[in-house]
Amino acid sequence: MSETNNEKGTQVTESTENTAAGTVSETAAGSAGQSTEAGRGGNDRGGRGNDRGRGGNDRGGRGGRRDDRGGRGGRDEEKDKFLERVVAINRVSKVVKGGRRFSFTALVVVGDGEGLVGVGYGKAKEVPAAISKGVEEAKKSFFRVPRVGSTIPHLVQGEDAAGVVLLRPASPGTGVIAGGPVRAVLECAGVHDVLSKSMGSANVINIVRGTVDALKKLEEPQAVAARRGKSLDEVAPHAMLRTLEQDRAKKKAGVAANG
């Protein structure tokens, strides 16, 4: 009987120990799981914090873009001061080992419509970039065109390679009697009454450069009188003298208004 009781006590003790061990292991596993979940939660929170940081960087970037827009507005105002005419756009292909590479060229005329004009030739892989380069080159080549009222002072002929362009003064109200390339240069220069004729090559580049050469050959009536050693009345006709007086009066009125 005593042995039986001892065996039962041993069994009860073992079962109690097993139960306690199982409880301890479950408790440890549960606490470990909670720690793991808490760690994951902490990582998630950290990730959210990183996301917030990214959002802050994005907001800062957007603020920089607003500043860039202000700069673009300034460039647009500068563009409004000048007249831009794209005379021709050509596609150029270069044969290479792997095939063909295409690029573009743009012939651009830029002027202020008040006697200042320039011509530029831009090359790039895209059309907008070629036009921008042409505009920058045209601004670097600005020159002043002598005018009498809305026309030119005298008959002149310009040449470039095989292109020949003839320009003749016209009375007010005549308009610009010219083809596309010549018209673009004259309108940007502020010449509104003129007769023209292209005699020679039909190449657009030659015609534009011939027109520029003709405009550069123009002389002011005062310069012609000084070169000949005569007075302005002896060199210029009466109609031109009246127009010159009107131009002087307009300039004085403009200066007085600005002052």
C-alpha atoms as a PDB file:
ATOM      1  CA  MET A   1       0.000   0.000   0.000  1.00  0.00           C
ATOM      2  CA  SER A   2       2.747   2.394   0.828  1.00  0.00           C
ATOM      3  CA  GLU A   3       4.479   1.652  -2.459  1.00  0.00           C
ATOM      4  CA  THR A   4       1.234   2.294  -4.314  1.00  0.00           C
ATOM      5  CA  ASN A   5       0.780   5.618  -2.600  1.00  0.00           C
ATOM      6  CA  ASN A   6       4.363   6.556  -3.355  1.00  0.00           C
ATOM      7  CA  GLU A   7       3.874   5.743  -7.053  1.00  0.00           C
ATOM      8  CA  LYS A   8       0.689   7.839  -7.153  1.00  0.00           C
ATOM      9  CA  GLY A   9       2.491  10.722  -5.477  1.00  0.00           C
ATOM     10  CA  THR A  10       5.289  10.502  -7.978  1.00  0.00           C
ATOM     11  CA  GLN A  11       2.823  10.508 -10.884  1.00  0.00           C
ATOM     12  CA  VAL A  12       0.992  13.507  -9.433  1.00  0.00           C
ATOM     13  CA  THR A  13       4.255  15.343  -8.931  1.00  0.00           C
ATOM     14  CA  GLU A  14       5.377  14.603 -12.515  1.00  0.00           C
ATOM     15  CA  SER A  15       2.044  15.720 -13.974  1.00  0.00           C
ATOM     16  CA  THR A  16       2.176  18.873 -11.864  1.00  0.00           C
ATOM     17  CA  GLU A  17       5.697  19.594 -13.041  1.00  0.00           C
ATOM     18  CA  ASN A  18       4.700  18.945 -16.691  1.00  0.00           C
ATOM     19  CA  THR A  19       1.714  21.229 -16.323  1.00  0.00           C
ATOM     20  CA  ALA A  20       3.825  23.949 -14.776  1.00  0.00           C
ATOM     21  CA  ALA A  21       6.472  23.557 -17.463  1.00  0.00           C
ATOM     22  CA  GLY A  22       3.815  23.734 -20.164  1.00  0.00           C
ATOM     23  CA  THR A  23       2.343  26.808 -18.571  1.00  0.00           C
ATOM     24  CA  VAL A  24       5.751  28.436 -18.330  1.00  0.00           C
ATOM     25  CA  SER A  25       6.583  27.549 -21.952  1.00  0.00           C
ATOM     26  CA  GLU A  26       3.235  28.869 -23.174  1.00  0.00           C
ATOM     27  CA  THR A  27       3.693  32.022 -21.137  1.00  0.00           C
ATOM     28  CA  ALA A  28       7.196  32.494 -22.545  1.00  0.00           C
ATOM     29  CA  ALA A  29       5.990  31.814 -26.085  1.00  0.00           C
ATOM     30  CA  GLY A  30       3.116  34.242 -25.632  1.00  0.00           C
ATOM     31  CA  SER A  31       5.381  36.924 -24.264  1.00  0.00           C
ATOM     32  CA  ALA A  32       7.861  36.287 -27.081  1.00  0.00           C
ATOM     33  CA  GLY A  33       5.061  36.592 -29.616  1.00  0.00           C
ATOM     34  CA  GLN A  34       3.919  39.810 -28.016  1.00  0.00           C
ATOM     35  CA  SER A  35       7.483  41.108 -28.091  1.00  0.00           C
ATOM     36  CA  THR A  36       7.791  40.147 -31.753  1.00  0.00           C
ATOM     37  CA  GLU A  37       4.488  41.827 -32.571  1.00  0.00           C
ATOM     38  CA  ALA A  38       5.509  44.866 -30.572  1.00  0.00           C
ATOM     39  CA  GLY A  39       8.775  44.927 -32.472  1.00  0.00           C
ATOM     40  CA  ARG A  40       6.912  44.706 -35.741  1.00  0.00           C
ATOM     41  CA  GLY A  41       4.629  47.476 -34.623  1.00  0.00           C
ATOM     42  CA  GLY A  42       7.637  49.543 -33.747  1.00  0.00           C
ATOM     43  CA  ASN A  43       9.117  48.899 -37.180  1.00  0.00           C
ATOM     44  CA  ASP A  44       5.825  49.880 -38.777  1.00  0.00           C
ATOM     45  CA  ARG A  45       5.775  53.084 -36.812  1.00  0.00           C
ATOM     46  CA  GLY A  46       9.313  53.752 -37.831  1.00  0.00           C
ATOM     47  CA  GLY A  47       8.326  53.150 -41.430  1.00  0.00           C
ATOM     48  CA  ARG A  48       5.495  55.607 -41.084  1.00  0.00           C
ATOM     49  CA  GLY A  49       7.885  58.095 -39.612  1.00  0.00           C
ATOM     50  CA  ASN A  50      10.140  57.626 -42.642  1.00  0.00           C
ATOM     51  CA  ASP A  51       7.135  58.126 -44.897  1.00  0.00           C
ATOM     52  CA  ARG A  52       6.377  61.384 -43.125  1.00  0.00           C
ATOM     53  CA  GLY A  53       9.957  62.437 -43.649  1.00  0.00           C
ATOM     54  CA  ARG A  54       9.644  61.675 -47.353  1.00  0.00           C
ATOM     55  CA  GLY A  55       6.482  63.721 -47.504  1.00  0.00           C
ATOM     56  CA  GLY A  56       8.315  66.623 -45.949  1.00  0.00           C
ATOM     57  CA  ASN A  57      11.039  66.365 -48.601  1.00  0.00           C
ATOM     58  CA  ASP A  58       8.418  66.279 -51.360  1.00  0.00           C
ATOM     59  CA  ARG A  59       6.785  69.403 -49.991  1.00  0.00           C
ATOM     60  CA  GLY A  60      10.107  71.156 -49.965  1.00  0.00           C
ATOM     61  CA  GLY A  61      10.678  70.142 -53.599  1.00  0.00           C
ATOM     62  CA  ARG A  62       7.324  71.565 -54.592  1.00  0.00           C
ATOM     63  CA  GLY A  63       8.228  74.839 -52.956  1.00  0.00           C
ATOM     64  CA  GLY A  64      11.342  74.975 -55.161  1.00  0.00           C
ATOM     65  CA  ARG A  65       9.212  74.435 -58.251  1.00  0.00           C
ATOM     66  CA  ARG A  66       7.125  77.481 -57.372  1.00  0.00           C
ATOM     67  CA  ASP A  67      10.308  79.546 -57.359  1.00  0.00           C
ATOM     68  CA  ASP A  68      11.188  78.125 -60.789  1.00  0.00           C
ATOM     69  CA  ARG A  69       7.827  79.237 -62.110  1.00  0.00           C
ATOM     70  CA  GLY A  70       8.636  82.769 -61.091  1.00  0.00           C
ATOM     71  CA  GLY A  71      11.880  82.532 -63.077  1.00  0.00           C
ATOM     72  CA  ARG A  72      10.013  81.323 -66.140  1.00  0.00           C
ATOM     73  CA  GLY A  73       7.679  84.288 -65.870  1.00  0.00           C
ATOM     74  CA  GLY A  74      10.694  86.583 -66.025  1.00  0.00           C
ATOM     75  CA  ARG A  75      11.943  84.844 -69.157  1.00  0.00           C
ATOM     76  CA  ASP A  76       8.491  85.120 -70.749  1.00  0.00           C
ATOM     77  CA  GLU A  77       8.495  88.875 -70.127  1.00  0.00           C
ATOM     78  CA  GLU A  78      11.888  89.099 -71.812  1.00  0.00           C
ATOM     79  CA  LYS A  79      10.563  87.148 -74.802  1.00  0.00           C
ATOM     80  CA  ASP A  80       7.615  89.523 -75.164  1.00  0.00           C
ATOM     81  CA  LYS A  81      10.024  92.387 -75.860  1.00  0.00           C
ATOM     82  CA  PHE A  82      11.156  90.798 -79.131  1.00  0.00           C
ATOM     83  CA  LEU A  83       9.466  89.436 -82.234  1.00  0.00           C
ATOM     84  CA  GLU A  84      10.540  85.913 -83.182  1.00  0.00           C
ATOM     85  CA  ARG A  85       9.972  84.408 -86.619  1.00  0.00           C
ATOM     86  CA  VAL A  86      10.953  80.827 -87.456  1.00  0.00           C
ATOM     87  CA  VAL A  87      11.730  80.989 -91.172  1.00  0.00           C
ATOM     88  CA  ALA A  88      12.675  77.359 -91.821  1.00  0.00           C
ATOM     89  CA  ILE A  89      13.163  74.047 -89.996  1.00  0.00           C
ATOM     90  CA  ASN A  90      15.143  71.269 -91.684  1.00  0.00           C
ATOM     91  CA  ARG A  91      15.753  67.668 -90.668  1.00  0.00           C
ATOM     92  CA  VAL A  92      19.309  66.435 -91.113  1.00  0.00           C
ATOM     93  CA  SER A  93      20.245  62.731 -91.186  1.00  0.00           C
ATOM     94  CA  LYS A  94      23.702  61.332 -90.588  1.00  0.00           C
ATOM     95  CA  VAL A  95      24.478  57.771 -91.708  1.00  0.00           C
ATOM     96  CA  VAL A  96      26.443  55.822 -89.095  1.00  0.00           C
ATOM     97  CA  LYS A  97      27.365  52.181 -88.629  1.00  0.00           C
ATOM     98  CA  GLY A  98      24.178  51.327 -86.727  1.00  0.00           C
ATOM     99  CA  GLY A  99      21.796  53.231 -89.012  1.00  0.00           C
ATOM    100  CA  ARG A 100      20.832  56.910 -89.222  1.00  0.00           C
ATOM    101  CA  ARG A 101      20.940  59.683 -86.668  1.00  0.00           C
ATOM    102  CA  PHE A 102      18.500  62.551 -87.106  1.00  0.00           C
ATOM    103  CA  SER A 103      18.882  66.144 -85.955  1.00  0.00           C
ATOM    104  CA  PHE A 104      17.158  69.436 -86.739  1.00  0.00           C
ATOM    105  CA  THR A 105      18.203  72.927 -87.807  1.00  0.00           C
ATOM    106  CA  ALA A 106      16.195  76.133 -87.362  1.00  0.00           C
ATOM    107  CA  LEU A 107      16.613  79.497 -89.106  1.00  0.00           C
ATOM    108  CA  VAL A 108      15.232  82.189 -86.785  1.00  0.00           C
ATOM    109  CA  VAL A 109      14.830  85.976 -87.108  1.00  0.00           C
ATOM    110  CA  VAL A 110      14.521  88.095 -83.941  1.00  0.00           C
ATOM    111  CA  GLY A 111      13.831  91.841 -83.699  1.00  0.00           C
ATOM    112  CA  ASP A 112      12.180  94.484 -81.557  1.00  0.00           C
ATOM    113  CA  GLY A 113      10.132  96.018 -84.389  1.00  0.00           C
ATOM    114  CA  GLU A 114      11.909  99.361 -83.863  1.00  0.00           C
ATOM    115  CA  GLY A 115      14.989  98.976 -86.056  1.00  0.00           C
ATOM    116  CA  LEU A 116      16.840  96.221 -84.166  1.00  0.00           C
ATOM    117  CA  VAL A 117      17.111  92.824 -85.893  1.00  0.00           C
ATOM    118  CA  GLY A 118      19.284  89.703 -85.969  1.00  0.00           C
ATOM    119  CA  VAL A 119      19.378  86.287 -87.660  1.00  0.00           C
ATOM    120  CA  GLY A 120      20.392  82.997 -86.014  1.00  0.00           C
ATOM    121  CA  TYR A 121      20.892  79.401 -87.132  1.00  0.00           C
ATOM    122  CA  GLY A 122      20.472  76.703 -84.461  1.00  0.00           C
ATOM    123  CA  LYS A 123      21.193  72.970 -84.552  1.00  0.00           C
ATOM    124  CA  ALA A 124      20.021  70.325 -82.051  1.00  0.00           C
ATOM    125  CA  LYS A 125      18.518  66.855 -81.748  1.00  0.00           C
ATOM    126  CA  GLU A 126      15.072  68.306 -80.989  1.00  0.00           C
ATOM    127  CA  VAL A 127      13.151  71.115 -82.698  1.00  0.00           C
ATOM    128  CA  PRO A 128      12.535  73.283 -79.581  1.00  0.00           C
ATOM    129  CA  ALA A 129      16.220  73.135 -78.646  1.00  0.00           C
ATOM    130  CA  ALA A 130      17.228  74.098 -82.195  1.00  0.00           C
ATOM    131  CA  ILE A 131      14.860  77.098 -82.123  1.00  0.00           C
ATOM    132  CA  SER A 132      16.203  78.209 -78.730  1.00  0.00           C
ATOM    133  CA  LYS A 133      19.781  78.069 -80.000  1.00  0.00           C
ATOM    134  CA  GLY A 134      18.767  80.034 -83.091  1.00  0.00           C
ATOM    135  CA  VAL A 135      17.141  82.726 -80.938  1.00  0.00           C
ATOM    136  CA  GLU A 136      20.250  83.063 -78.764  1.00  0.00           C
ATOM    137  CA  GLU A 137      22.495  83.353 -81.823  1.00  0.00           C
ATOM    138  CA  ALA A 138      20.167  85.936 -83.376  1.00  0.00           C
ATOM    139  CA  LYS A 139      20.306  88.085 -80.229  1.00  0.00           C
ATOM    140  CA  LYS A 140      24.109  88.023 -80.381  1.00  0.00           C
ATOM    141  CA  SER A 141      24.041  89.315 -83.980  1.00  0.00           C
ATOM    142  CA  PHE A 142      21.707  92.314 -83.463  1.00  0.00           C
ATOM    143  CA  PHE A 143      22.311  95.397 -85.617  1.00  0.00           C
ATOM    144  CA  ARG A 144      20.484  98.690 -86.140  1.00  0.00           C
ATOM    145  CA  VAL A 145      18.576  99.335 -89.389  1.00  0.00           C
ATOM    146  CA  PRO A 146      18.346 102.973 -90.612  1.00  0.00           C
ATOM    147  CA  ARG A 147      14.727 103.949 -91.278  1.00  0.00           C
ATOM    148  CA  VAL A 148      12.875 106.994 -92.527  1.00  0.00           C
ATOM    149  CA  GLY A 149       9.370 106.806 -91.144  1.00  0.00           C
ATOM    150  CA  SER A 150       8.106 103.321 -91.945  1.00  0.00           C
ATOM    151  CA  THR A 151      10.380 102.668 -94.936  1.00  0.00           C
ATOM    152  CA  ILE A 152      14.098 102.562 -95.803  1.00  0.00           C
ATOM    153  CA  PRO A 153      16.161 105.624 -96.820  1.00  0.00           C
ATOM    154  CA  HIS A 154      17.222 104.551-100.324  1.00  0.00           C
ATOM    155  CA  LEU A 155      17.425 101.761-102.903  1.00  0.00           C
ATOM    156  CA  VAL A 156      19.807  98.972-101.916  1.00  0.00           C
ATOM    157  CA  GLN A 157      20.845  95.513-103.101  1.00  0.00           C
ATOM    158  CA  GLY A 158      22.216  92.715-100.929  1.00  0.00           C
ATOM    159  CA  GLU A 159      23.962  89.488-101.886  1.00  0.00           C
ATOM    160  CA  ASP A 160      24.887  86.230-100.222  1.00  0.00           C
ATOM    161  CA  ALA A 161      26.379  83.414-102.317  1.00  0.00           C
ATOM    162  CA  ALA A 162      23.934  83.035-105.243  1.00  0.00           C
ATOM    163  CA  GLY A 163      21.124  84.910-103.498  1.00  0.00           C
ATOM    164  CA  VAL A 164      20.439  88.519-104.536  1.00  0.00           C
ATOM    165  CA  VAL A 165      17.781  90.703-102.858  1.00  0.00           C
ATOM    166  CA  LEU A 166      16.697  94.173-104.016  1.00  0.00           C
ATOM    167  CA  LEU A 167      14.941  96.576-101.622  1.00  0.00           C
ATOM    168  CA  ARG A 168      13.219  99.781-102.736  1.00  0.00           C
ATOM    169  CA  PRO A 169      11.583 102.504-100.563  1.00  0.00           C
ATOM    170  CA  ALA A 170       7.791 102.799-100.740  1.00  0.00           C
ATOM    171  CA  SER A 171       5.223 105.435 -99.777  1.00  0.00           C
ATOM    172  CA  PRO A 172       3.198 105.067 -96.544  1.00  0.00           C
ATOM    173  CA  GLY A 173       0.362 102.559 -96.859  1.00  0.00           C
ATOM    174  CA  THR A 174       2.118 100.354 -99.415  1.00  0.00           C
ATOM    175  CA  GLY A 175       2.920  97.566 -96.982  1.00  0.00           C
ATOM    176  CA  VAL A 176       5.645  94.952 -97.178  1.00  0.00           C
ATOM    177  CA  ILE A 177       5.696  93.613-100.730  1.00  0.00           C
ATOM    178  CA  ALA A 178       7.990  90.637-100.217  1.00  0.00           C
ATOM    179  CA  GLY A 179       8.157  86.872 -99.992  1.00  0.00           C
ATOM    180  CA  GLY A 180       8.189  84.851 -96.789  1.00  0.00           C
ATOM    181  CA  PRO A 181      11.901  84.961 -95.839  1.00  0.00           C
ATOM    182  CA  VAL A 182      12.362  88.637 -96.773  1.00  0.00           C
ATOM    183  CA  ARG A 183       9.086  89.608 -95.081  1.00  0.00           C
ATOM    184  CA  ALA A 184      10.141  87.977 -91.800  1.00  0.00           C
ATOM    185  CA  VAL A 185      13.366  90.011 -91.658  1.00  0.00           C
ATOM    186  CA  LEU A 186      11.699  93.312 -92.617  1.00  0.00           C
ATOM    187  CA  GLU A 187       8.806  92.970 -90.165  1.00  0.00           C
ATOM    188  CA  CYS A 188      11.137  92.149 -87.265  1.00  0.00           C
ATOM    189  CA  ALA A 189      13.251  95.174 -88.238  1.00  0.00           C
ATOM    190  CA  GLY A 190      10.218  97.483 -88.120  1.00  0.00           C
ATOM    191  CA  VAL A 191      10.079  98.270 -91.863  1.00  0.00           C
ATOM    192  CA  HIS A 192       6.394  98.391 -92.851  1.00  0.00           C
ATOM    193  CA  ASP A 193       6.449  99.983 -96.332  1.00  0.00           C
ATOM    194  CA  VAL A 194       8.931  98.563 -98.829  1.00  0.00           C
ATOM    195  CA  LEU A 195       9.167  96.904-102.243  1.00  0.00           C
ATOM    196  CA  SER A 196      11.462  93.901-102.662  1.00  0.00           C
ATOM    197  CA  LYS A 197      12.560  91.440-105.292  1.00  0.00           C
ATOM    198  CA  SER A 198      14.578  88.239-104.995  1.00  0.00           C
ATOM    199  CA  MET A 199      16.887  87.720-107.961  1.00  0.00           C
ATOM    200  CA  GLY A 200      18.964  84.570-107.845  1.00  0.00           C
ATOM    201  CA  SER A 201      18.975  81.498-105.630  1.00  0.00           C
ATOM    202  CA  ALA A 202      15.716  80.326-104.090  1.00  0.00           C
ATOM    203  CA  ASN A 203      17.534  78.906-101.062  1.00  0.00           C
ATOM    204  CA  VAL A 204      15.926  80.292 -97.910  1.00  0.00           C
ATOM    205  CA  ILE A 205      19.217  80.776 -96.074  1.00  0.00           C
ATOM    206  CA  ASN A 206      20.739  82.706 -98.986  1.00  0.00           C
ATOM    207  CA  ILE A 207      17.655  84.934 -99.276  1.00  0.00           C
ATOM    208  CA  VAL A 208      17.601  85.778 -95.551  1.00  0.00           C
ATOM    209  CA  ARG A 209      21.311  86.514 -95.438  1.00  0.00           C
ATOM    210  CA  GLY A 210      21.032  88.554 -98.636  1.00  0.00           C
ATOM    211  CA  THR A 211      18.287  90.634 -96.997  1.00  0.00           C
ATOM    212  CA  VAL A 212      20.473  91.178 -93.934  1.00  0.00           C
ATOM    213  CA  ASP A 213      23.353  92.247 -96.182  1.00  0.00           C
ATOM    214  CA  ALA A 214      21.080  94.769 -97.918  1.00  0.00           C
ATOM    215  CA  LEU A 215      19.879  96.225 -94.601  1.00  0.00           C
ATOM    216  CA  LYS A 216      23.470  96.568 -93.378  1.00  0.00           C
ATOM    217  CA  LYS A 217      24.312  98.620 -96.483  1.00  0.00           C
ATOM    218  CA  LEU A 218      21.671 101.245 -95.682  1.00  0.00           C
ATOM    219  CA  GLU A 219      22.912 104.701 -94.626  1.00  0.00           C
ATOM    220  CA  GLU A 220      21.290 107.520 -92.709  1.00  0.00           C
ATOM    221  CA  PRO A 221      20.674 110.714 -94.749  1.00  0.00           C
ATOM    222  CA  GLN A 222      22.907 112.634 -92.330  1.00  0.00           C
ATOM    223  CA  ALA A 223      25.774 110.179 -92.926  1.00  0.00           C
ATOM    224  CA  VAL A 224      25.409 110.503 -96.714  1.00  0.00           C
ATOM    225  CA  ALA A 225      25.427 114.303 -96.479  1.00  0.00           C
ATOM    226  CA  ALA A 226      28.548 114.254 -94.294  1.00  0.00           C
ATOM    227  CA  ARG A 227      30.338 111.857 -96.651  1.00  0.00           C
ATOM    228  CA  ARG A 228      29.571 114.045 -99.665  1.00  0.00           C
ATOM    229  CA  GLY A 229      30.384 117.259 -97.869  1.00  0.00           C
ATOM    230  CA  LYS A 230      26.937 118.745 -98.478  1.00  0.00           C
ATOM    231  CA  SER A 231      24.020 119.862 -96.341  1.00  0.00           C
ATOM    232  CA  LEU A 232      21.076 117.597 -95.589  1.00  0.00           C
ATOM    233  CA  ASP A 233      18.747 119.772 -97.692  1.00  0.00           C
ATOM    234  CA  GLU A 234      20.948 119.242-100.748  1.00  0.00           C
ATOM    235  CA  VAL A 235      21.032 115.459-100.362  1.00  0.00           C
ATOM    236  CA  ALA A 236      17.546 114.459 -99.183  1.00  0.00           C
ATOM    237  CA  PRO A 237      14.271 115.209-101.014  1.00  0.00           C
ATOM    238  CA  HIS A 238      11.610 117.356 -99.348  1.00  0.00           C
ATOM    239  CA  ALA A 239       9.332 114.393 -98.573  1.00  0.00           C
ATOM    240  CA  MET A 240      12.166 112.658 -96.715  1.00  0.00           C
ATOM    241  CA  LEU A 241      12.957 115.840 -94.797  1.00  0.00           C
ATOM    242  CA  ARG A 242       9.341 116.127 -93.650  1.00  0.00           C
ATOM    243  CA  THR A 243       9.367 112.510 -92.524  1.00  0.00           C
ATOM    244  CA  LEU A 244      12.600 113.053 -90.604  1.00  0.00           C
ATOM    245  CA  GLU A 245      11.077 116.049 -88.828  1.00  0.00           C
ATOM    246  CA  GLN A 246       8.040 113.972 -87.868  1.00  0.00           C
ATOM    247  CA  ASP A 247      10.297 111.212 -86.519  1.00  0.00           C
ATOM    248  CA  ARG A 248      12.205 113.718 -84.385  1.00  0.00           C
ATOM    249  CA  ALA A 249       8.946 115.135 -83.002  1.00  0.00           C
ATOM    250  CA  LYS A 250       7.733 111.625 -82.088  1.00  0.00           C
ATOM    251  CA  LYS A 251      10.996 110.830 -80.306  1.00  0.00           C
ATOM    252  CA  LYS A 252      10.833 114.056 -78.311  1.00  0.00           C
ATOM    253  CA  ALA A 253       7.225 113.355 -77.337  1.00  0.00           C
ATOM    254  CA  GLY A 254       8.166 109.830 -76.235  1.00  0.00           C
ATOM    255  CA  VAL A 255      11.078 111.083 -74.139  1.00  0.00           C
ATOM    256  CA  ALA A 256       8.862 113.722 -72.517  1.00  0.00           C
ATOM    257  CA  ALA A 257       6.190 111.130 -71.718  1.00  0.00           C
ATOM    258  CA  ASN A 258       8.740 108.752 -70.159  1.00  0.00           C
ATOM    259  CA  GLY A 259      10.331 111.614 -68.202  1.00  0.00           C
END
